[in-house]
């Protein structure tokens, strides 16, 4: 079987994501080197991982070689450094400073994103809305990753257990991360490739993800009571 047949299926993707360098998603079979994706026919052997086959078939159409991870993203929260990293394969895609729980109240372990909410507690006056402009509830529903109305607390251990972020960072994270994404929270978190800590793979770019938020993801009927 050729991977070209599989990718051409009308039910696979309505639109390929933008490659994160030139922010284009056009696909061509000729190396124009001006951005987008370069597609090559490859065999689909039984013993090869499907993600690896896709990586062989689609390359960034650039003047220089760039490795783009294709594995699903996960979130790693390091309680020692008060940092949240977005990871794919062994690459750090983003890294943010966060506020965590006072007296070690932020739970540890592997959780998942169970709900996404645009403008949580929208009916609460902005000055009183402790959850900011976006929130992602965890599978332990007492806790969430959310924005804040006190940006000066970011980097400190001051919450009742939730993970607080600057609103602009939270809006980007919200746009990147799908439901059911794994969230690992730990002290002295050891990433697979610690050298990647020294430099983020892709600089932040507001045009790569749609951070405007979907009004369908607003919940005007619920007042949330996460452990802010």
Protein backbone atom coordinates (compact mmCIF):
# COMPACT_ATOMS: atom_id res chain seq x y z
CA UNK A 1 0.00 0.00 0.00
CA UNK A 2 1.23 3.52 -0.82
CA UNK A 3 0.95 6.23 1.78
CA UNK A 4 -0.26 8.57 -0.99
CA UNK A 5 -3.55 6.70 -1.25
CA UNK A 6 -4.08 6.92 2.50
CA UNK A 7 -3.39 10.66 2.68
CA UNK A 8 -5.69 11.34 -0.26
CA UNK A 9 -8.68 9.88 1.53
CA UNK A 10 -11.37 12.59 1.84
CA UNK A 11 -12.08 11.47 5.42
CA UNK A 12 -8.52 11.86 6.76
CA UNK A 13 -8.03 15.63 7.27
CA UNK A 14 -10.04 18.55 5.97
CA UNK A 15 -6.91 20.67 6.22
CA UNK A 16 -3.28 19.99 7.04
CA UNK A 17 -1.80 22.11 9.83
CA UNK A 18 0.59 24.90 8.97
CA UNK A 19 4.27 24.05 9.15
CA UNK A 20 5.71 26.23 11.94
CA UNK A 21 8.39 28.06 9.96
CA UNK A 22 6.73 29.79 6.98
CA UNK A 23 3.21 29.17 8.36
CA UNK A 24 1.92 27.57 5.16
CA UNK A 25 0.02 24.33 4.62
CA UNK A 26 0.09 24.00 0.82
CA UNK A 27 1.21 20.54 -0.36
CA UNK A 28 3.35 19.98 -3.44
CA UNK A 29 5.36 17.11 -4.87
CA UNK A 30 8.07 19.48 -6.12
CA UNK A 31 10.67 21.09 -3.80
CA UNK A 32 9.83 24.78 -4.20
CA UNK A 33 11.52 25.51 -0.81
CA UNK A 34 9.14 28.37 -0.03
CA UNK A 35 7.16 26.75 2.76
CA UNK A 36 4.31 24.33 3.15
CA UNK A 37 4.69 20.58 2.82
CA UNK A 38 6.68 18.44 0.37
CA UNK A 39 4.90 15.13 -0.29
CA UNK A 40 6.60 11.93 -1.43
CA UNK A 41 5.08 8.52 -2.13
CA UNK A 42 6.35 5.95 0.34
CA UNK A 43 5.54 2.33 0.97
CA UNK A 44 3.51 1.37 4.02
CA UNK A 45 5.25 -1.71 5.42
CA UNK A 46 3.47 -3.71 8.09
CA UNK A 47 6.30 -3.47 10.57
CA UNK A 48 6.76 0.32 10.47
CA UNK A 49 5.02 2.72 12.82
CA UNK A 50 2.39 4.79 11.00
CA UNK A 51 3.62 8.06 12.50
CA UNK A 52 7.12 7.35 11.15
CA UNK A 53 5.65 6.65 7.69
CA UNK A 54 3.82 10.00 7.70
CA UNK A 55 7.05 11.77 8.70
CA UNK A 56 8.76 10.13 5.70
CA UNK A 57 5.93 11.18 3.37
CA UNK A 58 5.56 14.82 4.50
CA UNK A 59 8.54 17.12 4.98
CA UNK A 60 8.67 20.90 5.41
CA UNK A 61 9.20 22.39 1.95
CA UNK A 62 12.13 24.60 3.01
CA UNK A 63 15.66 25.49 1.95
CA UNK A 64 17.03 23.74 5.04
CA UNK A 65 16.28 20.47 6.78
CA UNK A 66 14.00 20.74 9.79
CA UNK A 67 12.66 17.92 11.89
CA UNK A 68 9.02 18.37 12.89
CA UNK A 69 7.63 15.98 15.51
CA UNK A 70 4.41 14.23 14.50
CA UNK A 71 3.53 12.49 17.77
CA UNK A 72 0.55 13.75 19.82
CA UNK A 73 1.41 16.54 22.24
CA UNK A 74 1.54 16.13 25.99
CA UNK A 75 1.93 18.57 28.88
CA UNK A 76 4.61 18.29 31.56
CA UNK A 77 4.39 20.49 34.67
CA UNK A 78 7.53 20.71 36.81
CA UNK A 79 6.68 21.71 40.38
CA UNK A 80 10.28 22.55 41.21
CA UNK A 81 10.70 25.13 38.44
CA UNK A 82 7.03 26.23 38.22
CA UNK A 83 7.10 25.57 34.49
CA UNK A 84 4.70 23.99 32.01
CA UNK A 85 6.16 22.40 28.87
CA UNK A 86 4.32 21.24 25.75
CA UNK A 87 6.11 18.18 24.35
CA UNK A 88 5.93 16.12 21.18
CA UNK A 89 8.28 13.16 20.83
CA UNK A 90 11.36 14.44 22.72
CA UNK A 91 10.94 18.05 21.57
CA UNK A 92 9.73 20.95 23.69
CA UNK A 93 7.26 22.95 21.61
CA UNK A 94 6.48 25.58 24.25
CA UNK A 95 7.55 26.40 27.80
CA UNK A 96 5.64 28.71 30.15
CA UNK A 97 6.01 29.93 33.72
CA UNK A 98 3.03 29.02 35.91
CA UNK A 99 1.74 29.56 39.44
CA UNK A 100 1.10 26.39 41.43
CA UNK A 101 -0.48 25.39 44.71
CA UNK A 102 0.56 26.76 48.05
CA UNK A 103 1.86 24.12 50.49
CA UNK A 104 2.24 21.58 47.66
CA UNK A 105 -1.52 21.38 46.98
CA UNK A 106 -1.16 20.89 43.20
CA UNK A 107 -1.79 17.15 42.66
CA UNK A 108 0.93 14.95 41.17
CA UNK A 109 0.59 12.15 38.66
CA UNK A 110 -0.68 11.75 35.11
CA UNK A 111 -4.02 13.43 34.44
CA UNK A 112 -5.84 14.40 31.24
CA UNK A 113 -7.59 17.44 29.83
CA UNK A 114 -11.27 16.60 30.37
CA UNK A 115 -12.96 19.89 29.41
CA UNK A 116 -12.09 23.14 27.62
CA UNK A 117 -13.89 26.39 28.40
CA UNK A 118 -13.63 29.78 26.67
CA UNK A 119 -14.20 32.73 29.03
CA UNK A 120 -15.04 30.69 32.14
CA UNK A 121 -17.32 32.55 34.57
CA UNK A 122 -17.98 35.13 31.84
CA UNK A 123 -20.82 36.64 33.83
CA UNK A 124 -18.51 37.46 36.75
CA UNK A 125 -17.00 40.98 36.67
CA UNK A 126 -13.55 40.81 35.06
CA UNK A 127 -11.82 42.10 38.20
CA UNK A 128 -13.33 39.20 40.18
CA UNK A 129 -12.86 36.47 37.57
CA UNK A 130 -9.94 34.48 38.92
CA UNK A 131 -9.92 32.06 35.95
CA UNK A 132 -9.00 34.53 33.20
CA UNK A 133 -9.99 34.04 29.59
CA UNK A 134 -9.46 30.28 29.11
CA UNK A 135 -9.53 27.14 31.24
CA UNK A 136 -8.85 23.44 30.71
CA UNK A 137 -10.34 21.23 33.39
CA UNK A 138 -8.29 18.20 34.43
CA UNK A 139 -9.56 14.65 34.92
CA UNK A 140 -9.40 15.42 38.64
CA UNK A 141 -12.22 17.91 38.26
CA UNK A 142 -11.26 19.93 41.32
CA UNK A 143 -8.35 21.36 39.34
CA UNK A 144 -7.76 23.16 36.06
CA UNK A 145 -5.11 24.92 34.03
CA UNK A 146 -6.46 28.44 33.60
CA UNK A 147 -5.70 32.11 33.14
CA UNK A 148 -5.64 34.64 35.92
CA UNK A 149 -6.58 38.15 37.00
CA UNK A 150 -3.41 38.37 39.14
CA UNK A 151 -0.52 38.02 36.68
CA UNK A 152 1.95 39.07 39.36
CA UNK A 153 1.56 35.65 41.01
CA UNK A 154 2.92 33.70 38.03
CA UNK A 155 5.99 31.73 39.05
CA UNK A 156 4.91 31.48 42.69
CA UNK A 157 3.20 28.81 44.81
CA UNK A 158 0.06 30.67 45.82
CA UNK A 159 -3.00 28.88 44.44
CA UNK A 160 -5.23 26.31 46.13
CA UNK A 161 -3.92 23.71 43.69
CA UNK A 162 -4.79 24.90 40.19
CA UNK A 163 -2.21 25.80 37.56
CA UNK A 164 -2.37 29.52 36.74
CA UNK A 165 -0.96 31.07 33.58
CA UNK A 166 -0.77 34.54 32.07
CA UNK A 167 -3.89 34.99 29.93
CA UNK A 168 -1.95 35.41 26.67
CA UNK A 169 0.01 32.20 27.35
CA UNK A 170 -3.17 30.38 28.33
CA UNK A 171 -4.92 31.45 25.13
CA UNK A 172 -2.08 30.04 23.03
CA UNK A 173 -1.93 26.81 25.04
CA UNK A 174 -5.71 26.41 24.79
CA UNK A 175 -5.54 26.75 21.00
CA UNK A 176 -2.79 24.12 20.74
CA UNK A 177 -4.01 21.41 23.08
CA UNK A 178 -6.89 19.00 22.30
CA UNK A 179 -9.15 17.22 24.75
CA UNK A 180 -7.73 14.10 26.45
CA UNK A 181 -4.15 15.38 26.23
CA UNK A 182 -2.00 13.80 28.94
CA UNK A 183 -0.78 16.12 31.72
CA UNK A 184 2.10 14.88 33.88
CA UNK A 185 2.69 16.82 37.11
CA UNK A 186 5.78 16.04 39.15
CA UNK A 187 8.71 17.38 41.13
CA UNK A 188 12.09 17.30 39.38
CA UNK A 189 10.42 16.24 36.16
CA UNK A 190 12.91 14.53 33.86
CA UNK A 191 12.14 15.17 30.20
CA UNK A 192 13.25 12.65 27.61
CA UNK A 193 15.77 15.03 26.09
CA UNK A 194 16.96 17.49 28.75
CA UNK A 195 19.12 19.34 26.23
CA UNK A 196 15.93 20.65 24.66
CA UNK A 197 15.32 22.64 27.86
CA UNK A 198 17.98 25.10 26.69
CA UNK A 199 15.98 26.22 23.66
CA UNK A 200 12.38 25.96 22.56
CA UNK A 201 11.98 24.21 19.23
CA UNK A 202 9.53 26.71 17.75
CA UNK A 203 9.30 30.37 18.75
CA UNK A 204 5.84 31.58 19.69
CA UNK A 205 3.90 32.93 16.71
CA UNK A 206 0.38 34.29 17.11
CA UNK A 207 -0.43 33.39 13.50
CA UNK A 208 0.30 29.66 13.92
CA UNK A 209 -2.72 28.92 16.12
CA UNK A 210 -6.15 30.49 16.27
CA UNK A 211 -6.25 32.00 19.75
CA UNK A 212 -9.55 33.84 19.30
CA UNK A 213 -11.58 31.07 20.92
CA UNK A 214 -14.72 29.34 19.72
CA UNK A 215 -17.94 30.89 21.14
CA UNK A 216 -19.40 27.37 21.10
CA UNK A 217 -16.93 26.53 23.87
CA UNK A 218 -18.33 29.17 26.20
CA UNK A 219 -20.41 27.88 29.11
CA UNK A 220 -22.69 30.67 30.35
CA UNK A 221 -24.76 28.42 32.62
CA UNK A 222 -21.96 27.20 34.91
CA UNK A 223 -20.07 28.99 37.65
CA UNK A 224 -16.84 27.10 38.15
CA UNK A 225 -15.28 26.42 41.53
CA UNK A 226 -11.87 24.96 40.74
CA UNK A 227 -9.23 25.13 43.47
CA UNK A 228 -7.89 28.46 42.27
